[in-house]
Amino acid sequence: MGLVRVGVIGGSGVYQLNALQNPQAQTVETPWGRPSADLVVGEIGGHEFAFLPRHGAGHRFSPTDIPYQANIYAMRMLGVERIVSVSAVGSLCEEYVPGDFVLPDQFVDRTTQRQQSFFGEGLVAHVPLAKPVDEQMASAVLKSGQALGLKIHHGGSYVTIEGPQFSTQAESELFRTWGCKLVGMTNGSEAKLAREAGMEFCTIAMVTDFDCWHPDHQDVDVAQVVAVAKSNATSVSGLLEKSLPQLAQLGESRWAHVLDDAVMTAKEHRCPEMMQRTAALFRSS
């Protein structure tokens, strides 16, 4: 196996990466438990990539119960520098319609029940997150989508809700007053952990519905989400196949050494167990 620089996390309706050649499943054990499923490593355009379905085989994990820490840590253990996260989302604006693809550039976190950090008591670290999405990655995916003739947009804030319930109408309207363009249940959590792991991050959001704010459309339901996700499956596969080799050539993450100055706990007070659990996140100078 060659160097795996880019990892792909698939969401609702994206449970495999058909473009991978010579795929091999790898069982990865992490200090944070097992990831959602075995990671599948294969080749596209002469580069190695890793794929992981965030909800597990058969969509077993709800958004709250996804083992986010194990998923991101497993990618880091394989050497991944950049993560592309594919996600089904609801649109909070007129311009993004079901069937469109969107590359959001910001996240608003409204979750309440998740572990979204590798750090805590015994090892405290604070990383910057002002710009959670890598513009180089988003630009490469955007150009690939345009070349394929896809309806793809760049920009907008993605509000991450806890779920598993969809939004109330009041919540949906509130998110719109904040200027958010998309609503989903997973990607904000992944973006935070990816930054702590020193990785670049980019979301490919597949719009499946208008949430529940739009007066001319019915409230979102699972049947609608699945139907649109399935109809987009071929387009998603083509977009990844075209853009991933370009992302692999971007090289090391600029956040590779983000933890060098992020740990606030004095060395003599750092918990040995926590240091061991986070070892793969720290890189030698």
Foldseek 3Di string as FASTA:
>chain_A
DDQAAEEEEEEQLPADQVQFDPWDWAWDAALLGGAQETWIWGDFPRHIYIYHHQCHVPSPRFLQRGSLLNVLVRCLVSVYAAYEYEEEWAWLDDVDFAQEKEKEFAEAEAEDRHDLELDDPQWAFDFDCPTLADPVLVVLLVVLCVVVVGRYYYYFYEYAYQDPDFDDLVVSVVCVVVRGTIYYHHDVSNSSHCLLLQHHYIYIYRHQYNAPNDPVDHHDDPVSSNVSSNVCNVVVSSSCSRRVVVVSVVDHHPSLARRVPTIDDDPVRHDPVSCVSCVSSHDDD
